[in-house]
Amino acid sequence: MSPVSILLIGFAMSTDAFAAAIGKGAAMRKPLFRDALRAGLIFGAIEAITPIIGWLLGRAALQYVEAYDHWIAFGLLLALGIHMMVNGLRTDDPQEDEDPSRHHGFWRLAITGFATSIDAMAVGIGLAFLDVHIGVVAVVIGLCTLTMVTAGIMLGRALGNLVGKRAEIIGGVILMAIGATILYEHLSGAA
């Protein structure tokens, strides 16, 4: 897998966390950089761990699915991409957020970080079938998420919901393109 593909996966995996960070930043009165960095560290650490867990699960199943692993990677990335695009197109219920001041504690941030990292675990499963160093991918995903969440919280006050949903749509398109590239490279190499 090329360094550009790894970087694109890192940014694609961080777009849903970025969208959540924009929402959190918009809900904070005046987010300080240290608060944004703290959230970025929490999200980034969780987002870096989950693809490793997924990769380990995928490696355990590798011997059973080796003949069609490229289709699994393609299917997972396609499904995640579509899921992210649907979430990006969905309208939020304005009454859903009852008390914005309660959403910035460690456990709330950790739970939100885990919820936005489920897709990274699925990507880790897909990457188990490819020749890729999962440690590098996990670090890139974690650093991209740290950067995007920190920036998202700081930008959240100014941007609100304007960019958040579009970021998820773009991330979904990137994942689908990477999945199609994996499938194309495998099928053209096998032909």
N, C-alpha and C. Protein backbone atom coordinates (compact mmCIF):
# COMPACT_ATOMS: atom_id res chain seq x y z
N MET A 1 0.85 -1.17 0.00
CA MET A 1 0.00 0.00 0.00
C MET A 1 0.90 1.23 0.00
N SER A 2 0.58 2.18 -0.84
CA SER A 2 1.42 3.37 -0.99
C SER A 2 1.25 4.32 0.20
N PRO A 3 2.26 5.17 0.44
CA PRO A 3 2.15 6.15 1.52
C PRO A 3 0.97 7.11 1.32
N VAL A 4 0.66 7.43 0.08
CA VAL A 4 -0.48 8.32 -0.19
C VAL A 4 -1.78 7.64 0.22
N SER A 5 -1.92 6.34 -0.10
CA SER A 5 -3.13 5.60 0.30
C SER A 5 -3.25 5.54 1.82
N ILE A 6 -2.13 5.32 2.50
CA ILE A 6 -2.15 5.27 3.96
C ILE A 6 -2.57 6.62 4.53
N LEU A 7 -2.04 7.70 3.98
CA LEU A 7 -2.42 9.04 4.44
C LEU A 7 -3.89 9.32 4.17
N LEU A 8 -4.37 8.92 3.00
CA LEU A 8 -5.79 9.12 2.68
C LEU A 8 -6.68 8.32 3.62
N ILE A 9 -6.27 7.10 3.96
CA ILE A 9 -7.04 6.31 4.94
C ILE A 9 -7.04 7.03 6.28
N GLY A 10 -5.89 7.57 6.68
CA GLY A 10 -5.81 8.30 7.94
C GLY A 10 -6.78 9.46 7.98
N PHE A 11 -6.82 10.24 6.92
CA PHE A 11 -7.73 11.38 6.90
C PHE A 11 -9.18 10.93 6.76
N ALA A 12 -9.43 9.89 5.98
CA ALA A 12 -10.80 9.39 5.85
C ALA A 12 -11.33 8.89 7.19
N MET A 13 -10.47 8.19 7.95
CA MET A 13 -10.88 7.67 9.25
C MET A 13 -11.12 8.79 10.27
N SER A 14 -10.49 9.94 10.05
CA SER A 14 -10.63 11.02 11.03
C SER A 14 -11.77 11.98 10.69
N THR A 15 -12.44 11.81 9.56
CA THR A 15 -13.48 12.78 9.19
C THR A 15 -14.70 12.71 10.09
N ASP A 16 -15.11 11.52 10.52
CA ASP A 16 -16.25 11.46 11.42
C ASP A 16 -15.90 12.03 12.79
N ALA A 17 -14.66 11.82 13.24
CA ALA A 17 -14.21 12.43 14.49
C ALA A 17 -14.14 13.95 14.33
N PHE A 18 -13.71 14.41 13.14
CA PHE A 18 -13.66 15.84 12.85
C PHE A 18 -15.07 16.45 12.91
N ALA A 19 -16.04 15.74 12.33
CA ALA A 19 -17.43 16.22 12.37
C ALA A 19 -17.93 16.31 13.81
N ALA A 20 -17.63 15.28 14.60
CA ALA A 20 -18.03 15.30 16.01
C ALA A 20 -17.33 16.43 16.76
N ALA A 21 -16.06 16.68 16.44
CA ALA A 21 -15.29 17.74 17.10
C ALA A 21 -15.85 19.11 16.76
N ILE A 22 -16.28 19.30 15.53
CA ILE A 22 -16.88 20.58 15.16
C ILE A 22 -18.14 20.81 15.98
N GLY A 23 -18.95 19.75 16.14
CA GLY A 23 -20.14 19.86 16.97
C GLY A 23 -19.81 20.17 18.41
N LYS A 24 -18.77 19.51 18.94
CA LYS A 24 -18.36 19.77 20.32
C LYS A 24 -17.80 21.18 20.47
N GLY A 25 -17.02 21.61 19.48
CA GLY A 25 -16.47 22.97 19.52
C GLY A 25 -17.55 24.03 19.45
N ALA A 26 -18.58 23.75 18.65
CA ALA A 26 -19.70 24.69 18.54
C ALA A 26 -20.48 24.77 19.85
N ALA A 27 -20.53 23.65 20.60
CA ALA A 27 -21.26 23.62 21.85
C ALA A 27 -20.49 24.26 23.01
N MET A 28 -19.16 24.33 22.89
CA MET A 28 -18.35 24.95 23.94
C MET A 28 -18.45 26.46 23.82
N ARG A 29 -18.40 27.13 24.94
CA ARG A 29 -18.50 28.59 24.89
C ARG A 29 -17.31 29.22 24.19
N LYS A 30 -16.13 28.99 24.71
CA LYS A 30 -14.90 29.48 24.10
C LYS A 30 -13.85 28.40 24.25
N PRO A 31 -13.78 27.48 23.30
CA PRO A 31 -12.82 26.39 23.45
C PRO A 31 -11.38 26.89 23.46
N LEU A 32 -10.62 26.45 24.45
CA LEU A 32 -9.20 26.78 24.53
C LEU A 32 -8.41 25.73 23.77
N PHE A 33 -7.21 26.08 23.35
CA PHE A 33 -6.38 25.14 22.60
C PHE A 33 -6.08 23.89 23.42
N ARG A 34 -5.84 24.06 24.73
CA ARG A 34 -5.53 22.89 25.56
C ARG A 34 -6.72 21.93 25.64
N ASP A 35 -7.95 22.46 25.64
CA ASP A 35 -9.14 21.60 25.63
C ASP A 35 -9.26 20.86 24.30
N ALA A 36 -8.97 21.57 23.23
CA ALA A 36 -9.02 20.96 21.90
C ALA A 36 -7.94 19.89 21.76
N LEU A 37 -6.75 20.17 22.25
CA LEU A 37 -5.64 19.21 22.18
C LEU A 37 -5.94 17.98 23.03
N ARG A 38 -6.52 18.17 24.20
CA ARG A 38 -6.91 17.05 25.07
C ARG A 38 -7.89 16.13 24.35
N ALA A 39 -8.91 16.72 23.74
CA ALA A 39 -9.88 15.93 22.99
C ALA A 39 -9.21 15.23 21.81
N GLY A 40 -8.30 15.94 21.14
CA GLY A 40 -7.58 15.35 20.02
C GLY A 40 -6.74 14.16 20.44
N LEU A 41 -6.10 14.26 21.59
CA LEU A 41 -5.30 13.15 22.11
C LEU A 41 -6.17 11.93 22.45
N ILE A 42 -7.32 12.20 23.06
CA ILE A 42 -8.22 11.10 23.42
C ILE A 42 -8.73 10.41 22.16
N PHE A 43 -9.24 11.19 21.23
CA PHE A 43 -9.76 10.63 19.98
C PHE A 43 -8.64 9.93 19.19
N GLY A 44 -7.48 10.57 19.10
CA GLY A 44 -6.37 10.02 18.32
C GLY A 44 -5.88 8.70 18.88
N ALA A 45 -5.77 8.59 20.21
CA ALA A 45 -5.31 7.33 20.82
C ALA A 45 -6.30 6.20 20.55
N ILE A 46 -7.57 6.49 20.73
CA ILE A 46 -8.58 5.46 20.49
C ILE A 46 -8.61 5.08 19.02
N GLU A 47 -8.54 6.07 18.15
CA GLU A 47 -8.59 5.82 16.70
C GLU A 47 -7.35 5.05 16.23
N ALA A 48 -6.24 5.16 16.93
CA ALA A 48 -5.02 4.41 16.57
C ALA A 48 -5.08 2.97 17.07
N ILE A 49 -5.77 2.72 18.17
CA ILE A 49 -5.84 1.38 18.74
C ILE A 49 -6.84 0.49 17.99
N THR A 50 -7.96 1.04 17.57
CA THR A 50 -9.02 0.21 16.99
C THR A 50 -8.62 -0.48 15.67
N PRO A 51 -7.84 0.14 14.76
CA PRO A 51 -7.47 -0.62 13.57
C PRO A 51 -6.54 -1.80 13.89
N ILE A 52 -5.74 -1.67 14.95
CA ILE A 52 -4.87 -2.78 15.35
C ILE A 52 -5.72 -3.95 15.84
N ILE A 53 -6.75 -3.66 16.61
CA ILE A 53 -7.67 -4.70 17.08
C ILE A 53 -8.33 -5.38 15.87
N GLY A 54 -8.82 -4.56 14.94
CA GLY A 54 -9.44 -5.11 13.73
C GLY A 54 -8.46 -5.94 12.91
N TRP A 55 -7.22 -5.46 12.80
CA TRP A 55 -6.18 -6.17 12.05
C TRP A 55 -5.91 -7.54 12.67
N LEU A 56 -5.84 -7.59 14.01
CA LEU A 56 -5.61 -8.86 14.70
C LEU A 56 -6.76 -9.83 14.44
N LEU A 57 -7.98 -9.32 14.47
CA LEU A 57 -9.14 -10.17 14.17
C LEU A 57 -9.08 -10.67 12.72
N GLY A 58 -8.73 -9.78 11.81
CA GLY A 58 -8.62 -10.16 10.40
C GLY A 58 -7.52 -11.17 10.15
N ARG A 59 -6.38 -11.01 10.80
CA ARG A 59 -5.27 -11.96 10.63
C ARG A 59 -5.67 -13.36 11.13
N ALA A 60 -6.47 -13.39 12.18
CA ALA A 60 -6.92 -14.68 12.71
C ALA A 60 -7.80 -15.41 11.68
N ALA A 61 -8.51 -14.66 10.86
CA ALA A 61 -9.41 -15.26 9.86
C ALA A 61 -8.76 -15.40 8.49
N LEU A 62 -7.53 -14.94 8.33
CA LEU A 62 -6.88 -14.88 7.02
C LEU A 62 -6.82 -16.22 6.29
N GLN A 63 -6.45 -17.26 6.96
CA GLN A 63 -6.30 -18.55 6.29
C GLN A 63 -7.61 -19.06 5.72
N TYR A 64 -8.73 -18.62 6.26
CA TYR A 64 -10.04 -19.09 5.81
C TYR A 64 -10.57 -18.31 4.61
N VAL A 65 -10.06 -17.09 4.41
CA VAL A 65 -10.63 -16.23 3.37
C VAL A 65 -9.59 -15.69 2.39
N GLU A 66 -8.42 -16.29 2.36
CA GLU A 66 -7.31 -15.78 1.56
C GLU A 66 -7.65 -15.64 0.07
N ALA A 67 -8.46 -16.53 -0.48
CA ALA A 67 -8.77 -16.52 -1.91
C ALA A 67 -9.61 -15.31 -2.32
N TYR A 68 -10.36 -14.76 -1.42
CA TYR A 68 -11.21 -13.61 -1.78
C TYR A 68 -11.04 -12.44 -0.82
N ASP A 69 -9.84 -12.31 -0.26
CA ASP A 69 -9.55 -11.23 0.68
C ASP A 69 -9.71 -9.84 0.07
N HIS A 70 -9.35 -9.68 -1.20
CA HIS A 70 -9.47 -8.38 -1.86
C HIS A 70 -10.94 -7.96 -1.96
N TRP A 71 -11.82 -8.93 -2.14
CA TRP A 71 -13.25 -8.61 -2.19
C TRP A 71 -13.75 -8.18 -0.80
N ILE A 72 -13.22 -8.81 0.25
CA ILE A 72 -13.60 -8.42 1.61
C ILE A 72 -13.15 -7.00 1.91
N ALA A 73 -11.89 -6.69 1.58
CA ALA A 73 -11.38 -5.33 1.81
C ALA A 73 -12.21 -4.32 1.03
N PHE A 74 -12.50 -4.64 -0.24
CA PHE A 74 -13.32 -3.75 -1.07
C PHE A 74 -14.72 -3.58 -0.46
N GLY A 75 -15.35 -4.70 -0.08
CA GLY A 75 -16.70 -4.64 0.48
C GLY A 75 -16.77 -3.84 1.77
N LEU A 76 -15.78 -4.06 2.66
CA LEU A 76 -15.76 -3.30 3.92
C LEU A 76 -15.59 -1.81 3.68
N LEU A 77 -14.63 -1.46 2.82
CA LEU A 77 -14.39 -0.04 2.55
C LEU A 77 -15.59 0.59 1.83
N LEU A 78 -16.21 -0.14 0.91
CA LEU A 78 -17.39 0.37 0.22
C LEU A 78 -18.53 0.59 1.21
N ALA A 79 -18.79 -0.41 2.06
CA ALA A 79 -19.87 -0.29 3.04
C ALA A 79 -19.62 0.86 4.01
N LEU A 80 -18.38 0.99 4.49
CA LEU A 80 -18.05 2.09 5.40
C LEU A 80 -18.18 3.44 4.70
N GLY A 81 -17.74 3.50 3.47
CA GLY A 81 -17.87 4.75 2.71
C GLY A 81 -19.32 5.15 2.52
N ILE A 82 -20.16 4.19 2.16
CA ILE A 82 -21.59 4.48 2.00
C ILE A 82 -22.20 4.90 3.33
N HIS A 83 -21.83 4.19 4.40
CA HIS A 83 -22.33 4.54 5.73
C HIS A 83 -21.96 5.98 6.11
N MET A 84 -20.71 6.35 5.86
CA MET A 84 -20.26 7.71 6.19
C MET A 84 -21.00 8.73 5.34
N MET A 85 -21.24 8.43 4.07
CA MET A 85 -21.96 9.37 3.21
C MET A 85 -23.41 9.53 3.66
N VAL A 86 -24.05 8.43 4.05
CA VAL A 86 -25.43 8.50 4.54
C VAL A 86 -25.48 9.34 5.81
N ASN A 87 -24.53 9.11 6.73
CA ASN A 87 -24.48 9.93 7.95
C ASN A 87 -24.25 11.39 7.62
N GLY A 88 -23.43 11.65 6.61
CA GLY A 88 -23.17 13.03 6.20
C GLY A 88 -24.37 13.71 5.58
N LEU A 89 -25.24 12.94 4.97
CA LEU A 89 -26.44 13.50 4.33
C LEU A 89 -27.63 13.59 5.27
N ARG A 90 -27.56 12.88 6.39
CA ARG A 90 -28.65 12.86 7.36
C ARG A 90 -28.76 14.21 8.07
N THR A 91 -29.98 14.65 8.32
CA THR A 91 -30.18 15.89 9.07
C THR A 91 -30.29 15.55 10.54
N ASP A 92 -29.72 16.41 11.38
CA ASP A 92 -29.74 16.18 12.82
C ASP A 92 -31.01 16.75 13.43
N ASP A 93 -31.44 16.11 14.52
CA ASP A 93 -32.58 16.60 15.28
C ASP A 93 -32.08 17.68 16.24
N PRO A 94 -32.56 18.93 16.11
CA PRO A 94 -32.06 20.00 16.98
C PRO A 94 -32.38 19.78 18.45
N GLN A 95 -33.37 18.95 18.79
CA GLN A 95 -33.71 18.71 20.19
C GLN A 95 -32.91 17.56 20.79
N GLU A 96 -32.06 16.93 19.97
CA GLU A 96 -31.30 15.77 20.40
C GLU A 96 -30.26 16.11 21.46
N ASP A 97 -29.66 17.28 21.41
CA ASP A 97 -28.57 17.66 22.31
C ASP A 97 -29.14 18.41 23.50
N GLU A 98 -29.38 17.69 24.61
CA GLU A 98 -30.08 18.26 25.74
C GLU A 98 -29.28 19.29 26.53
N ASP A 99 -28.05 19.02 26.87
CA ASP A 99 -27.24 19.93 27.67
C ASP A 99 -25.80 19.89 27.15
N PRO A 100 -25.44 20.82 26.24
CA PRO A 100 -24.12 20.76 25.63
C PRO A 100 -22.97 20.84 26.62
N SER A 101 -23.15 21.45 27.78
CA SER A 101 -22.05 21.59 28.73
C SER A 101 -21.65 20.24 29.34
N ARG A 102 -22.50 19.23 29.25
CA ARG A 102 -22.20 17.92 29.82
C ARG A 102 -21.42 17.02 28.88
N HIS A 103 -21.10 17.45 27.68
CA HIS A 103 -20.52 16.58 26.66
C HIS A 103 -19.01 16.71 26.50
N HIS A 104 -18.30 17.26 27.48
CA HIS A 104 -16.88 17.52 27.29
C HIS A 104 -15.98 16.85 28.32
N GLY A 105 -16.53 16.01 29.21
CA GLY A 105 -15.73 15.27 30.18
C GLY A 105 -14.96 14.14 29.51
N PHE A 106 -13.98 13.59 30.23
CA PHE A 106 -13.13 12.54 29.67
C PHE A 106 -13.95 11.37 29.15
N TRP A 107 -14.86 10.83 29.97
CA TRP A 107 -15.59 9.63 29.57
C TRP A 107 -16.52 9.90 28.40
N ARG A 108 -17.11 11.07 28.36
CA ARG A 108 -17.97 11.42 27.20
C ARG A 108 -17.12 11.51 25.94
N LEU A 109 -15.94 12.13 26.06
CA LEU A 109 -15.06 12.22 24.90
C LEU A 109 -14.57 10.83 24.48
N ALA A 110 -14.23 9.99 25.45
CA ALA A 110 -13.74 8.64 25.14
C ALA A 110 -14.83 7.81 24.46
N ILE A 111 -16.05 7.90 24.95
CA ILE A 111 -17.15 7.16 24.34
C ILE A 111 -17.41 7.67 22.93
N THR A 112 -17.41 8.97 22.75
CA THR A 112 -17.59 9.53 21.41
C THR A 112 -16.44 9.12 20.51
N GLY A 113 -15.21 9.14 21.05
CA GLY A 113 -14.04 8.71 20.28
C GLY A 113 -14.15 7.26 19.85
N PHE A 114 -14.62 6.40 20.75
CA PHE A 114 -14.79 4.99 20.40
C PHE A 114 -15.88 4.82 19.34
N ALA A 115 -16.97 5.55 19.52
CA ALA A 115 -18.08 5.44 18.55
C ALA A 115 -17.63 5.86 17.15
N THR A 116 -16.78 6.87 17.08
CA THR A 116 -16.32 7.31 15.75
C THR A 116 -15.17 6.47 15.23
N SER A 117 -14.67 5.52 16.04
CA SER A 117 -13.53 4.71 15.59
C SER A 117 -13.92 3.29 15.20
N ILE A 118 -15.18 2.95 15.27
CA ILE A 118 -15.63 1.62 14.86
C ILE A 118 -15.26 1.37 13.40
N ASP A 119 -15.38 2.39 12.58
CA ASP A 119 -15.02 2.23 11.16
C ASP A 119 -13.52 1.94 11.01
N ALA A 120 -12.68 2.49 11.89
CA ALA A 120 -11.25 2.21 11.82
C ALA A 120 -10.97 0.75 12.17
N MET A 121 -11.78 0.16 13.05
CA MET A 121 -11.62 -1.25 13.38
C MET A 121 -11.95 -2.09 12.14
N ALA A 122 -13.02 -1.72 11.45
CA ALA A 122 -13.39 -2.45 10.23
C ALA A 122 -12.31 -2.31 9.15
N VAL A 123 -11.72 -1.11 9.05
CA VAL A 123 -10.62 -0.92 8.10
C VAL A 123 -9.45 -1.80 8.49
N GLY A 124 -9.17 -1.91 9.79
CA GLY A 124 -8.11 -2.80 10.26
C GLY A 124 -8.34 -4.24 9.84
N ILE A 125 -9.60 -4.68 9.91
CA ILE A 125 -9.93 -6.03 9.46
C ILE A 125 -9.61 -6.17 7.98
N GLY A 126 -10.01 -5.19 7.19
CA GLY A 126 -9.73 -5.22 5.75
C GLY A 126 -8.25 -5.19 5.44
N LEU A 127 -7.49 -4.42 6.21
CA LEU A 127 -6.04 -4.31 5.98
C LEU A 127 -5.29 -5.59 6.35
N ALA A 128 -5.89 -6.44 7.16
CA ALA A 128 -5.25 -7.70 7.53
C ALA A 128 -5.04 -8.59 6.32
N PHE A 129 -5.80 -8.37 5.28
CA PHE A 129 -5.71 -9.20 4.08
C PHE A 129 -4.74 -8.63 3.06
N LEU A 130 -4.13 -7.50 3.38
CA LEU A 130 -3.20 -6.85 2.46
C LEU A 130 -1.80 -6.86 3.06
N ASP A 131 -0.82 -6.60 2.23
CA ASP A 131 0.56 -6.53 2.69
C ASP A 131 0.83 -5.10 3.15
N VAL A 132 0.51 -4.82 4.41
CA VAL A 132 0.66 -3.48 4.95
C VAL A 132 1.10 -3.59 6.41
N HIS A 133 1.93 -2.65 6.83
CA HIS A 133 2.40 -2.62 8.23
C HIS A 133 1.34 -1.87 9.05
N ILE A 134 0.60 -2.60 9.87
CA ILE A 134 -0.53 -2.01 10.60
C ILE A 134 -0.08 -0.95 11.59
N GLY A 135 1.13 -1.08 12.13
CA GLY A 135 1.62 -0.07 13.07
C GLY A 135 1.73 1.29 12.42
N VAL A 136 2.25 1.33 11.20
CA VAL A 136 2.37 2.60 10.47
C VAL A 136 0.98 3.17 10.20
N VAL A 137 0.08 2.33 9.74
CA VAL A 137 -1.28 2.79 9.44
C VAL A 137 -1.95 3.31 10.71
N ALA A 138 -1.80 2.60 11.82
CA ALA A 138 -2.42 3.02 13.08
C ALA A 138 -1.87 4.36 13.55
N VAL A 139 -0.56 4.55 13.45
CA VAL A 139 0.04 5.82 13.85
C VAL A 139 -0.47 6.96 12.96
N VAL A 140 -0.54 6.71 11.66
CA VAL A 140 -1.03 7.74 10.73
C VAL A 140 -2.48 8.09 11.04
N ILE A 141 -3.31 7.06 11.26
CA ILE A 141 -4.72 7.32 11.60
C ILE A 141 -4.81 8.11 12.90
N GLY A 142 -4.03 7.72 13.91
CA GLY A 142 -4.05 8.43 15.19
C GLY A 142 -3.61 9.87 15.07
N LEU A 143 -2.52 10.12 14.32
CA LEU A 143 -2.04 11.50 14.15
C LEU A 143 -3.01 12.35 13.33
N CYS A 144 -3.58 11.75 12.29
CA CYS A 144 -4.58 12.49 11.50
C CYS A 144 -5.78 12.85 12.37
N THR A 145 -6.22 11.90 13.19
CA THR A 145 -7.36 12.16 14.06
C THR A 145 -7.03 13.21 15.10
N LEU A 146 -5.85 13.12 15.71
CA LEU A 146 -5.42 14.14 16.67
C LEU A 146 -5.48 15.52 16.04
N THR A 147 -4.93 15.64 14.84
CA THR A 147 -4.90 16.92 14.14
C THR A 147 -6.30 17.40 13.79
N MET A 148 -7.10 16.50 13.22
CA MET A 148 -8.43 16.88 12.77
C MET A 148 -9.36 17.23 13.93
N VAL A 149 -9.29 16.49 15.03
CA VAL A 149 -10.16 16.77 16.17
C VAL A 149 -9.75 18.08 16.84
N THR A 150 -8.46 18.29 17.01
CA THR A 150 -7.99 19.54 17.61
C THR A 150 -8.44 20.73 16.76
N ALA A 151 -8.23 20.62 15.45
CA ALA A 151 -8.67 21.70 14.55
C ALA A 151 -10.18 21.82 14.53
N GLY A 152 -10.88 20.69 14.56
CA GLY A 152 -12.34 20.71 14.52
C GLY A 152 -12.95 21.43 15.70
N ILE A 153 -12.40 21.20 16.89
CA ILE A 153 -12.93 21.87 18.07
C ILE A 153 -12.66 23.37 17.99
N MET A 154 -11.46 23.73 17.55
CA MET A 154 -11.14 25.16 17.44
C MET A 154 -11.98 25.84 16.35
N LEU A 155 -12.25 25.12 15.27
CA LEU A 155 -13.05 25.68 14.19
C LEU A 155 -14.55 25.59 14.45
N GLY A 156 -14.93 24.70 15.37
CA GLY A 156 -16.35 24.44 15.62
C GLY A 156 -17.16 25.66 15.96
N ARG A 157 -16.58 26.53 16.73
CA ARG A 157 -17.31 27.74 17.12
C ARG A 157 -17.65 28.59 15.90
N ALA A 158 -16.71 28.70 14.97
CA ALA A 158 -16.94 29.53 13.79
C ALA A 158 -17.74 28.81 12.70
N LEU A 159 -17.48 27.52 12.53
CA LEU A 159 -18.08 26.80 11.41
C LEU A 159 -19.38 26.09 11.74
N GLY A 160 -19.55 25.73 13.02
CA GLY A 160 -20.78 25.04 13.41
C GLY A 160 -21.00 23.78 12.61
N ASN A 161 -22.19 23.59 12.14
CA ASN A 161 -22.55 22.37 11.41
C ASN A 161 -22.29 22.47 9.92
N LEU A 162 -21.80 23.61 9.44
CA LEU A 162 -21.62 23.81 8.01
C LEU A 162 -20.67 22.78 7.38
N VAL A 163 -19.50 22.57 7.99
CA VAL A 163 -18.48 21.70 7.41
C VAL A 163 -18.60 20.26 7.89
N GLY A 164 -19.06 20.04 9.11
CA GLY A 164 -19.04 18.72 9.72
C GLY A 164 -19.61 17.62 8.86
N LYS A 165 -20.78 17.79 8.35
CA LYS A 165 -21.41 16.75 7.55
C LYS A 165 -20.71 16.56 6.21
N ARG A 166 -20.24 17.62 5.62
CA ARG A 166 -19.53 17.51 4.35
C ARG A 166 -18.23 16.73 4.51
N ALA A 167 -17.59 16.86 5.66
CA ALA A 167 -16.35 16.13 5.91
C ALA A 167 -16.61 14.63 5.91
N GLU A 168 -17.73 14.20 6.49
CA GLU A 168 -18.05 12.77 6.49
C GLU A 168 -18.32 12.27 5.08
N ILE A 169 -18.98 13.07 4.26
CA ILE A 169 -19.26 12.68 2.87
C ILE A 169 -17.95 12.51 2.11
N ILE A 170 -17.03 13.46 2.27
CA ILE A 170 -15.73 13.38 1.59
C ILE A 170 -14.96 12.15 2.07
N GLY A 171 -14.97 11.89 3.37
CA GLY A 171 -14.31 10.71 3.91
C GLY A 171 -14.88 9.42 3.34
N GLY A 172 -16.19 9.36 3.19
CA GLY A 172 -16.83 8.20 2.60
C GLY A 172 -16.40 7.97 1.16
N VAL A 173 -16.33 9.04 0.39
CA VAL A 173 -15.89 8.94 -1.01
C VAL A 173 -14.44 8.44 -1.06
N ILE A 174 -13.59 8.95 -0.18
CA ILE A 174 -12.18 8.52 -0.15
C ILE A 174 -12.09 7.02 0.15
N LEU A 175 -12.85 6.55 1.14
CA LEU A 175 -12.80 5.12 1.47
C LEU A 175 -13.25 4.25 0.31
N MET A 176 -14.32 4.66 -0.37
CA MET A 176 -14.80 3.88 -1.52
C MET A 176 -13.77 3.87 -2.64
N ALA A 177 -13.09 4.99 -2.86
CA ALA A 177 -12.06 5.06 -3.90
C ALA A 177 -10.88 4.15 -3.56
N ILE A 178 -10.48 4.12 -2.29
CA ILE A 178 -9.37 3.25 -1.88
C ILE A 178 -9.78 1.78 -2.04
N GLY A 179 -11.01 1.45 -1.66
CA GLY A 179 -11.50 0.08 -1.84
C GLY A 179 -11.51 -0.33 -3.30
N ALA A 180 -11.95 0.57 -4.18
CA ALA A 180 -11.97 0.28 -5.62
C ALA A 180 -10.55 0.11 -6.15
N THR A 181 -9.62 0.91 -5.64
CA THR A 181 -8.22 0.81 -6.06
C THR A 181 -7.62 -0.54 -5.64
N ILE A 182 -7.91 -0.97 -4.42
CA ILE A 182 -7.42 -2.27 -3.94
C ILE A 182 -7.95 -3.39 -4.84
N LEU A 183 -9.24 -3.35 -5.13
CA LEU A 183 -9.84 -4.38 -5.97
C LEU A 183 -9.24 -4.35 -7.37
N TYR A 184 -9.11 -3.16 -7.94
CA TYR A 184 -8.54 -3.02 -9.29
C TYR A 184 -7.11 -3.55 -9.34
N GLU A 185 -6.29 -3.15 -8.37
CA GLU A 185 -4.89 -3.61 -8.35
C GLU A 185 -4.80 -5.12 -8.25
N HIS A 186 -5.66 -5.73 -7.43
CA HIS A 186 -5.61 -7.18 -7.28
C HIS A 186 -6.08 -7.88 -8.56
N LEU A 187 -7.20 -7.42 -9.10
CA LEU A 187 -7.75 -8.07 -10.29
C LEU A 187 -6.88 -7.86 -11.51
N SER A 188 -6.27 -6.69 -11.65
CA SER A 188 -5.39 -6.45 -12.81
C SER A 188 -4.07 -7.21 -12.65
N GLY A 189 -3.64 -7.44 -11.43
CA GLY A 189 -2.42 -8.21 -11.18
C GLY A 189 -2.64 -9.70 -11.35
N ALA A 190 -3.88 -10.13 -11.09
CA ALA A 190 -4.21 -11.55 -11.20
C ALA A 190 -4.53 -11.96 -12.63
N ALA A 191 -4.81 -10.98 -13.47
CA ALA A 191 -5.23 -11.30 -14.85
C ALA A 191 -4.09 -11.68 -15.75
